[in-house]
């Protein structure tokens, strides 16, 4: 039962995240991206905890999902900082 519940929460989180991101207007995307880096940092900590957690029913599945979450959160943080750096560079005087 735990596996089904975990997969349900995982799939629902994917759908909710997709819906939230697609509803953001393009003019707000870059400032929100820089603000979401802090949230993604928290996500990295949670992903590390999930990757290191042990489960009685499926120990390998929890580690795989934790590793996948860690990879996606890291990509989000690096991409967010790259976009923020590029945005701030546009406002510098030449």
Protein backbone atom coordinates (compact mmCIF):
# COMPACT_ATOMS: atom_id res chain seq x y z
CA UNK A 1 0.00 0.00 0.00
CA UNK A 2 2.89 2.38 0.70
CA UNK A 3 4.26 1.98 -2.83
CA UNK A 4 0.92 2.85 -4.40
CA UNK A 5 0.56 5.88 -2.15
CA UNK A 6 4.10 7.10 -2.90
CA UNK A 7 3.59 6.70 -6.65
CA UNK A 8 0.26 8.52 -6.44
CA UNK A 9 1.83 11.46 -4.59
CA UNK A 10 4.72 11.51 -7.08
CA UNK A 11 2.43 11.57 -10.13
CA UNK A 12 0.13 14.18 -8.59
CA UNK A 13 3.13 16.38 -7.78
CA UNK A 14 4.21 16.17 -11.42
CA UNK A 15 0.77 17.24 -12.63
CA UNK A 16 0.44 20.07 -10.11
CA UNK A 17 3.94 21.35 -10.89
CA UNK A 18 3.25 21.30 -14.62
CA UNK A 19 -0.03 23.17 -14.20
CA UNK A 20 1.52 25.81 -11.94
CA UNK A 21 4.45 26.45 -14.29
CA UNK A 22 2.35 26.65 -17.45
CA UNK A 23 0.03 29.25 -15.88
CA UNK A 24 2.89 31.73 -15.25
CA UNK A 25 3.05 34.52 -17.86
CA UNK A 26 6.37 34.79 -19.73
CA UNK A 27 7.06 38.27 -18.31
CA UNK A 28 7.05 36.89 -14.77
CA UNK A 29 8.95 33.69 -15.50
CA UNK A 30 12.50 35.03 -15.09
CA UNK A 31 11.95 36.85 -11.75
CA UNK A 32 10.07 33.84 -10.41
CA UNK A 33 12.86 31.55 -11.60
CA UNK A 34 15.39 33.43 -9.51
CA UNK A 35 13.05 33.32 -6.52
CA UNK A 36 12.48 29.60 -6.89
CA UNK A 37 16.18 28.82 -6.45
CA UNK A 38 15.75 28.95 -2.68
CA UNK A 39 12.82 26.54 -2.88
CA UNK A 40 14.86 24.22 -5.12
CA UNK A 41 17.64 24.31 -2.55
CA UNK A 42 15.17 22.99 0.00
CA UNK A 43 14.09 20.38 -2.55
CA UNK A 44 17.71 19.25 -2.88
CA UNK A 45 17.90 18.69 0.88
CA UNK A 46 14.65 16.68 0.76
CA UNK A 47 15.91 14.68 -2.21
CA UNK A 48 19.12 13.86 -0.36
CA UNK A 49 17.09 12.66 2.61
CA UNK A 50 14.88 10.56 0.32
CA UNK A 51 17.88 9.08 -1.48
CA UNK A 52 19.48 8.12 1.82
CA UNK A 53 16.29 6.78 3.40
CA UNK A 54 15.66 3.11 3.85
CA UNK A 55 12.27 1.58 3.24
CA UNK A 56 11.13 -1.86 4.34
CA UNK A 57 9.10 -2.62 1.23
CA UNK A 58 11.21 -1.22 -1.59
CA UNK A 59 14.60 0.14 -0.51
CA UNK A 60 15.90 0.54 -4.05
CA UNK A 61 12.81 2.34 -5.34
CA UNK A 62 13.07 5.05 -2.67
CA UNK A 63 16.72 5.61 -3.55
CA UNK A 64 15.94 5.78 -7.27
CA UNK A 65 13.15 8.35 -6.74
CA UNK A 66 15.41 10.32 -4.40
CA UNK A 67 18.18 10.32 -7.00
CA UNK A 68 15.77 11.42 -9.74
CA UNK A 69 14.47 14.24 -7.51
CA UNK A 70 18.04 15.26 -6.71
CA UNK A 71 18.98 15.42 -10.41
CA UNK A 72 15.90 17.47 -11.35
CA UNK A 73 16.30 19.88 -8.43
CA UNK A 74 19.98 20.38 -9.24
CA UNK A 75 19.16 21.10 -12.89
CA UNK A 76 16.55 23.62 -11.72
CA UNK A 77 18.97 25.40 -9.39
CA UNK A 78 21.77 25.59 -11.97
CA UNK A 79 19.37 26.72 -14.70
CA UNK A 80 17.80 29.30 -12.39
CA UNK A 81 21.15 30.80 -11.49
CA UNK A 82 22.20 30.85 -15.17
CA UNK A 83 18.99 32.63 -16.18
CA UNK A 84 19.27 35.08 -13.28
CA UNK A 85 22.91 35.83 -14.14
CA UNK A 86 21.99 36.42 -17.78
CA UNK A 87 19.07 38.65 -16.77
CA UNK A 88 21.22 40.75 -14.43
CA UNK A 89 23.91 41.06 -17.10
CA UNK A 90 21.34 42.71 -19.39
CA UNK A 91 20.95 45.59 -16.90
CA UNK A 92 24.66 46.33 -16.49
CA UNK A 93 26.14 49.34 -18.20
CA UNK A 94 28.56 48.52 -20.94
